Amino acid sequence: MAKESSHRAQAAGAHRVVVIVDENSNPFELGCATEIFGLRRPEIGRDLYDFRLCSPEPSIAMRDGFFTLTGVAGLEAADTADTLIVPNRPDVEVPRRPAVLDAIRRAHARGARLVGFCSGAFTLAEAGVLDGRRATAHWQWAGSFRSRFPAVHLESDVLFVDDGDILTAAGSAAALDLGLHVVRRDHGAEVANSVSRRLVFAAHRDGGQRQFVERPMPHLPDESLAPVLAWAQERLDSPLTIADLARRASVSPATLHRRFRTQLGTTPLMWLTGERLALACRLIERGESRFEVVARLSGLGTATNLRALMRRETGITPSAYKRRFGPEAN
């Protein structure tokens, strides 16, 4: 691996994402960060990020000594990050390296965005940047986290938490959810969907979904939600109800609700609203500036409802979203 451990984004002024890799770091989350932020995107036509790895030592043993990482940039690269992804490791009771904690504090002080995947929340909390803030971590460490860091508002039953300049994800696969959320926040829904297609991963799982999904795949093929989800996605502009979805799936509303909870970790209404909002974002990105039309085509009804949902879910208004992600922004 080259000394810089990065690919230089061709676009001038690209947002720089730096990952700190420390002893016993988990390879999976490192792979997630690399896949989402580090790969070139010829299908999009531009690079999204300037990505690099850094480490406090020239040679770092990854989790359980599976392999050793060498040739990455020194820890000083963390001081150049716009987004800094902190180390996560399974031995959560082991104190983090002081130099790493200092790098995190410096990044936070100068306004960099901080991201922690899985046990990365422990690293952020140990650095002292989570006091009084919302965060999540893997459910199996919730008790330990709360006892060590009582000043942090831990939400142990969600996939990820976006608290503005500090974002945390729960168990391993939630790193992909949070990573795509960051891409969506930075570049819009259309780009995030493109990245998710390349990953062959769901484009959007809301951060408020439960961490613990009882059964990721149904035992019986006829219990799969895939057909009814595809059917609904083609009719988002129609006044679909939960009863309509249940009728299409040939089950009762109660059974449909139970299957959504089991297979997707959310409710039918939350899923439907999320899909409609994602469609609204794509319509705005493609140039539709009449928000009443956006609301109608996405099934959200009125521009007032569109504004309320977008502000709640993205933190910005449709007008601000258009300025940031619409055709004239590129």
Protein backbone atom coordinates (compact mmCIF):
# COMPACT_ATOMS: atom_id res chain seq x y z
CA MET A 1 0.00 0.00 0.00
CA ALA A 2 1.29 3.41 -0.92
CA LYS A 3 2.65 5.59 1.83
CA GLU A 4 -0.21 8.06 1.48
CA SER A 5 -2.71 5.19 1.73
CA SER A 6 -5.21 7.08 -0.30
CA HIS A 7 -6.49 7.86 -3.70
CA ARG A 8 -6.42 11.53 -4.54
CA ALA A 9 -9.87 12.67 -5.58
CA GLN A 10 -9.60 14.33 -8.94
CA ALA A 11 -12.06 17.09 -8.07
CA ALA A 12 -10.42 20.07 -6.43
CA GLY A 13 -11.27 20.54 -2.79
CA ALA A 14 -12.77 17.07 -2.31
CA HIS A 15 -13.94 16.23 1.19
CA ARG A 16 -11.16 14.28 2.92
CA VAL A 17 -12.05 11.15 4.90
CA VAL A 18 -9.31 9.77 7.13
CA VAL A 19 -9.52 6.46 9.01
CA ILE A 20 -7.34 5.91 12.06
CA VAL A 21 -6.26 2.27 12.27
CA ASP A 22 -4.90 1.17 15.63
CA GLU A 23 -3.83 -2.11 17.20
CA ASN A 24 -6.55 -4.81 17.14
CA SER A 25 -8.84 -2.77 14.88
CA ASN A 26 -11.66 -4.71 13.23
CA PRO A 27 -11.03 -5.44 9.52
CA PHE A 28 -14.72 -5.51 8.61
CA GLU A 29 -15.44 -1.89 9.51
CA LEU A 30 -12.19 -0.83 7.85
CA GLY A 31 -13.41 -2.60 4.71
CA CYS A 32 -16.78 -0.83 4.95
CA ALA A 33 -15.09 2.57 5.15
CA THR A 34 -12.84 1.72 2.20
CA GLU A 35 -15.74 0.46 0.06
CA ILE A 36 -17.93 3.48 0.70
CA PHE A 37 -15.45 6.34 0.87
CA GLY A 38 -12.28 5.03 -0.80
CA LEU A 39 -13.28 3.57 -4.14
CA ARG A 40 -13.32 5.50 -7.39
CA ARG A 41 -16.79 6.02 -8.83
CA PRO A 42 -16.64 5.89 -12.64
CA GLU A 43 -20.37 5.13 -12.72
CA ILE A 44 -21.00 8.52 -11.11
CA GLY A 45 -18.42 10.37 -13.17
CA ARG A 46 -16.48 11.88 -10.31
CA ASP A 47 -14.71 10.86 -7.13
CA LEU A 48 -16.70 11.62 -4.00
CA TYR A 49 -13.95 11.73 -1.40
CA ASP A 50 -10.22 12.01 -0.86
CA PHE A 51 -9.67 8.92 1.29
CA ARG A 52 -6.70 7.79 3.32
CA LEU A 53 -5.66 5.55 6.19
CA CYS A 54 -3.35 6.54 9.00
CA SER A 55 -1.88 4.85 12.05
CA PRO A 56 0.16 5.76 15.13
CA GLU A 57 2.70 3.05 14.29
CA PRO A 58 4.43 1.96 11.04
CA SER A 59 3.15 -1.58 11.56
CA ILE A 60 -0.25 -2.36 13.10
CA ALA A 61 -1.58 -5.82 13.97
CA MET A 62 -5.27 -6.04 13.09
CA ARG A 63 -7.83 -7.92 15.16
CA ASP A 64 -6.53 -11.16 16.72
CA GLY A 65 -3.40 -10.88 14.60
CA PHE A 66 -5.25 -11.87 11.43
CA PHE A 67 -2.86 -9.69 9.45
CA THR A 68 -0.54 -6.72 9.83
CA LEU A 69 -1.14 -3.38 8.17
CA THR A 70 1.93 -1.47 7.00
CA GLY A 71 2.81 1.42 4.73
CA VAL A 72 0.00 3.75 5.81
CA ALA A 73 0.35 7.44 6.64
CA GLY A 74 1.33 8.56 10.11
CA LEU A 75 -1.16 9.81 12.69
CA GLU A 76 -0.52 13.39 11.60
CA ALA A 77 -2.79 12.69 8.61
CA ALA A 78 -5.70 12.80 11.05
CA ASP A 79 -5.09 16.54 11.40
CA THR A 80 -6.06 17.02 7.74
CA ALA A 81 -9.40 15.18 7.92
CA ASP A 82 -12.76 16.74 7.17
CA THR A 83 -14.28 13.48 8.41
CA LEU A 84 -12.33 11.34 10.87
CA ILE A 85 -13.32 7.70 11.38
CA VAL A 86 -12.00 6.50 14.73
CA PRO A 87 -10.62 3.04 15.60
CA ASN A 88 -12.98 0.30 16.75
CA ARG A 89 -11.81 -2.89 18.43
CA PRO A 90 -13.40 -5.82 20.27
CA ASP A 91 -11.47 -5.37 23.53
CA VAL A 92 -13.57 -2.42 24.66
CA GLU A 93 -12.15 -2.37 28.20
CA VAL A 94 -8.58 -1.76 27.00
CA PRO A 95 -7.71 1.97 27.15
CA ARG A 96 -7.14 3.63 23.82
CA ARG A 97 -3.76 5.02 22.89
CA PRO A 98 -3.32 8.60 24.24
CA ALA A 99 -1.96 9.85 20.92
CA VAL A 100 -5.09 8.60 19.15
CA LEU A 101 -7.38 10.23 21.71
CA ASP A 102 -5.47 13.49 21.34
CA ALA A 103 -5.87 13.36 17.55
CA ILE A 104 -9.63 12.89 17.98
CA ARG A 105 -9.84 15.84 20.39
CA ARG A 106 -7.93 18.06 17.97
CA ALA A 107 -10.19 17.06 15.10
CA HIS A 108 -13.30 17.79 17.15
CA ALA A 109 -11.93 21.15 18.30
CA ARG A 110 -11.36 22.33 14.72
CA GLY A 111 -14.83 21.21 13.58
CA ALA A 112 -14.12 17.94 11.76
CA ARG A 113 -16.93 15.40 11.54
CA LEU A 114 -16.29 12.34 13.72
CA VAL A 115 -17.56 8.82 12.93
CA GLY A 116 -17.45 5.73 15.11
CA PHE A 117 -18.44 2.29 13.83
CA CYS A 118 -19.54 -0.38 16.34
CA SER A 119 -17.18 -0.14 19.35
CA GLY A 120 -15.80 3.10 17.94
CA ALA A 121 -18.27 4.80 20.29
CA PHE A 122 -16.00 3.71 23.16
CA THR A 123 -13.07 5.50 21.49
CA LEU A 124 -15.09 8.68 21.05
CA ALA A 125 -16.38 8.54 24.62
CA GLU A 126 -12.90 7.95 26.01
CA ALA A 127 -11.71 11.02 24.12
CA GLY A 128 -14.40 12.98 25.97
CA VAL A 129 -16.21 14.26 22.89
CA LEU A 130 -19.49 12.40 23.55
CA ASP A 131 -20.37 13.87 26.94
CA GLY A 132 -23.93 15.15 26.79
CA ARG A 133 -24.33 13.81 23.25
CA ARG A 134 -26.40 11.04 21.66
CA ALA A 135 -24.65 7.88 20.45
CA THR A 136 -25.11 4.18 19.84
CA ALA A 137 -22.91 1.09 20.02
CA HIS A 138 -23.31 -2.65 19.58
CA TRP A 139 -26.15 -3.89 21.80
CA GLN A 140 -23.95 -6.47 23.56
CA TRP A 141 -21.79 -3.69 25.02
CA ALA A 142 -24.62 -1.38 26.08
CA GLY A 143 -24.32 -2.18 29.78
CA SER A 144 -20.56 -1.73 29.82
CA PHE A 145 -20.81 1.53 27.88
CA ARG A 146 -23.43 3.02 30.20
CA SER A 147 -21.48 2.13 33.32
CA ARG A 148 -18.25 3.67 31.99
CA PHE A 149 -19.72 6.72 30.27
CA PRO A 150 -22.88 7.80 32.12
CA ALA A 151 -22.70 11.32 30.63
CA VAL A 152 -23.40 9.94 27.14
CA HIS A 153 -27.01 9.45 26.03
CA LEU A 154 -26.72 5.91 24.63
CA GLU A 155 -29.45 4.71 22.27
CA SER A 156 -28.77 1.00 22.30
CA ASP A 157 -31.65 -0.18 20.11
CA VAL A 158 -31.00 1.72 16.87
CA LEU A 159 -28.76 1.12 13.85
CA PHE A 160 -27.01 4.46 13.94
CA VAL A 161 -27.22 7.93 15.45
CA ASP A 162 -26.55 11.14 13.54
CA ASP A 163 -25.88 13.83 16.13
CA GLY A 164 -24.66 16.41 13.66
CA ASP A 165 -20.87 16.47 13.79
CA ILE A 166 -20.59 13.11 15.58
CA LEU A 167 -22.10 9.97 14.10
CA THR A 168 -22.04 6.45 15.55
CA ALA A 169 -23.16 3.06 14.22
CA ALA A 170 -24.12 -0.10 16.05
CA GLY A 171 -23.02 -3.65 15.16
CA SER A 172 -20.79 -4.36 12.20
CA ALA A 173 -23.26 -4.26 9.28
CA ALA A 174 -24.66 -0.95 10.56
CA ALA A 175 -21.37 0.60 9.43
CA LEU A 176 -22.65 0.24 5.86
CA ASP A 177 -25.95 1.89 6.82
CA LEU A 178 -24.19 4.82 8.46
CA GLY A 179 -21.67 5.13 5.63
CA LEU A 180 -24.45 5.36 3.05
CA HIS A 181 -26.25 7.84 5.27
CA VAL A 182 -23.14 10.03 5.22
CA VAL A 183 -22.94 9.78 1.43
CA ARG A 184 -26.63 10.68 1.22
CA ARG A 185 -26.06 13.65 3.52
CA ASP A 186 -23.04 14.84 1.53
CA HIS A 187 -24.11 14.07 -2.04
CA GLY A 188 -27.84 13.35 -2.07
CA ALA A 189 -30.09 10.31 -2.43
CA GLU A 190 -29.32 9.64 -6.10
CA VAL A 191 -25.58 9.29 -5.50
CA ALA A 192 -26.16 7.22 -2.35
CA ASN A 193 -28.39 4.88 -4.34
CA SER A 194 -25.66 4.45 -6.94
CA VAL A 195 -23.12 3.57 -4.23
CA SER A 196 -25.55 1.12 -2.63
CA ARG A 197 -26.20 -0.61 -5.95
CA ARG A 198 -22.47 -1.18 -6.39
CA LEU A 199 -22.38 -2.59 -2.87
CA VAL A 200 -25.48 -4.73 -3.61
CA PHE A 201 -26.84 -3.38 -0.35
CA ALA A 202 -30.11 -1.75 0.70
CA ALA A 203 -30.01 1.91 -0.27
CA HIS A 204 -31.68 3.12 2.90
CA ARG A 205 -32.30 1.61 6.30
CA ASP A 206 -33.36 4.32 8.70
CA GLY A 207 -31.07 4.87 11.68
CA GLY A 208 -34.00 4.42 14.03
CA GLN A 209 -34.53 0.81 13.04
CA ARG A 210 -33.85 -1.82 15.64
CA GLN A 211 -30.36 -3.28 15.89
CA PHE A 212 -31.49 -6.79 16.65
CA VAL A 213 -33.41 -8.33 13.79
CA GLU A 214 -34.73 -11.67 14.97
CA ARG A 215 -34.53 -13.45 11.62
CA PRO A 216 -32.65 -11.77 8.76
CA MET A 217 -34.18 -14.07 6.15
CA PRO A 218 -37.57 -15.78 6.37
CA HIS A 219 -37.72 -19.56 6.64
CA LEU A 220 -40.49 -19.85 4.06
CA PRO A 221 -40.15 -18.29 0.60
CA ASP A 222 -43.80 -17.14 0.57
CA GLU A 223 -43.17 -15.03 3.68
CA SER A 224 -40.62 -12.82 1.93
CA LEU A 225 -41.57 -9.17 1.79
CA ALA A 226 -39.63 -8.63 -1.45
CA PRO A 227 -42.64 -8.92 -3.81
CA VAL A 228 -44.84 -6.50 -1.86
CA LEU A 229 -41.95 -4.05 -1.41
CA ALA A 230 -41.28 -4.03 -5.15
CA TRP A 231 -44.99 -3.61 -5.86
CA ALA A 232 -45.26 -0.67 -3.46
CA GLN A 233 -42.11 1.03 -4.81
CA GLU A 234 -43.75 1.18 -8.25
CA ARG A 235 -46.84 2.89 -6.77
CA LEU A 236 -45.44 5.44 -4.32
CA ASP A 237 -47.48 8.20 -5.96
CA SER A 238 -50.69 6.34 -5.12
CA PRO A 239 -52.50 6.69 -1.78
CA LEU A 240 -51.23 3.37 -0.46
CA THR A 241 -52.36 2.25 2.98
CA ILE A 242 -51.13 -0.48 5.28
CA ALA A 243 -54.31 -2.36 4.42
CA ASP A 244 -53.34 -2.16 0.73
CA LEU A 245 -49.92 -3.65 1.45
CA ALA A 246 -51.44 -6.39 3.59
CA ARG A 247 -53.98 -7.22 0.89
CA ARG A 248 -51.20 -7.42 -1.72
CA ALA A 249 -49.22 -9.76 0.55
CA SER A 250 -52.38 -11.81 1.25
CA VAL A 251 -51.99 -11.42 5.01
CA SER A 252 -53.68 -9.48 7.78
CA PRO A 253 -52.33 -6.03 8.75
CA ALA A 254 -51.14 -7.52 12.06
CA THR A 255 -49.18 -10.25 10.26
CA LEU A 256 -47.72 -7.71 7.84
CA HIS A 257 -46.60 -5.54 10.74
CA ARG A 258 -44.97 -8.55 12.42
CA ARG A 259 -43.11 -9.51 9.23
CA PHE A 260 -41.84 -5.97 8.74
CA ARG A 261 -40.54 -5.95 12.30
CA THR A 262 -38.94 -9.37 11.89
CA GLN A 263 -37.42 -8.96 8.44
CA LEU A 264 -36.71 -5.22 8.22
CA GLY A 265 -36.68 -4.06 11.81
CA THR A 266 -39.22 -1.30 11.11
CA THR A 267 -42.95 -0.77 10.64
CA PRO A 268 -44.83 -0.71 7.32
CA LEU A 269 -45.68 2.98 7.78
CA MET A 270 -42.09 3.98 8.59
CA TRP A 271 -40.82 2.02 5.57
CA LEU A 272 -43.41 3.56 3.24
CA THR A 273 -42.68 7.08 4.48
CA GLY A 274 -38.93 6.53 4.07
CA GLU A 275 -39.36 5.28 0.50
CA ARG A 276 -41.55 8.24 -0.39
CA LEU A 277 -39.11 10.71 1.09
CA ALA A 278 -36.21 9.08 -0.80
CA LEU A 279 -38.21 9.39 -4.04
CA ALA A 280 -38.91 13.05 -3.27
CA CYS A 281 -35.20 13.69 -2.82
CA ARG A 282 -34.42 12.02 -6.14
CA LEU A 283 -37.05 14.11 -7.91
CA ILE A 284 -35.54 17.31 -6.52
CA GLU A 285 -32.05 16.18 -7.52
CA ARG A 286 -33.28 15.56 -11.05
CA GLY A 287 -34.57 19.12 -11.35
CA GLU A 288 -38.21 19.16 -10.27
CA SER A 289 -38.51 22.51 -8.49
CA ARG A 290 -42.28 22.55 -7.93
CA PHE A 291 -42.56 21.12 -4.45
CA GLU A 292 -46.30 20.49 -4.75
CA VAL A 293 -45.50 18.27 -7.75
CA VAL A 294 -42.70 16.54 -5.82
CA ALA A 295 -45.08 15.89 -2.95
CA ARG A 296 -47.76 14.51 -5.27
CA LEU A 297 -45.43 12.26 -7.30
CA SER A 298 -43.81 10.85 -4.17
CA GLY A 299 -47.10 10.22 -2.39
CA LEU A 300 -46.41 12.71 0.39
CA GLY A 301 -49.53 14.69 -0.45
CA THR A 302 -48.72 18.35 0.07
CA ALA A 303 -45.70 20.62 0.00
CA THR A 304 -46.33 21.33 3.68
CA ASN A 305 -46.03 17.65 4.54
CA LEU A 306 -42.94 17.38 2.30
CA ARG A 307 -41.27 20.28 4.12
CA ALA A 308 -42.07 18.85 7.54
CA LEU A 309 -40.75 15.38 6.70
CA MET A 310 -37.60 16.62 4.97
CA ARG A 311 -36.75 18.92 7.85
CA ARG A 312 -37.31 16.09 10.32
CA GLU A 313 -35.35 13.45 8.40
CA THR A 314 -32.60 15.46 6.69
CA GLY A 315 -32.43 18.57 8.85
CA ILE A 316 -32.96 20.91 5.87
CA THR A 317 -35.88 22.24 3.85
CA PRO A 318 -36.70 21.20 0.26
CA SER A 319 -35.39 24.56 -0.95
CA ALA A 320 -32.09 24.05 0.85
CA TYR A 321 -31.91 20.48 -0.47
CA LYS A 322 -32.43 21.77 -4.01
CA ARG A 323 -29.62 24.32 -3.62
CA ARG A 324 -27.28 21.66 -2.30
CA PHE A 325 -28.14 18.67 -4.50
CA GLY A 326 -30.14 19.97 -7.45
CA PRO A 327 -28.80 20.13 -11.03
CA GLU A 328 -27.48 23.66 -10.57
CA ALA A 329 -25.35 22.56 -7.62
CA ASN A 330 -23.16 20.29 -9.81
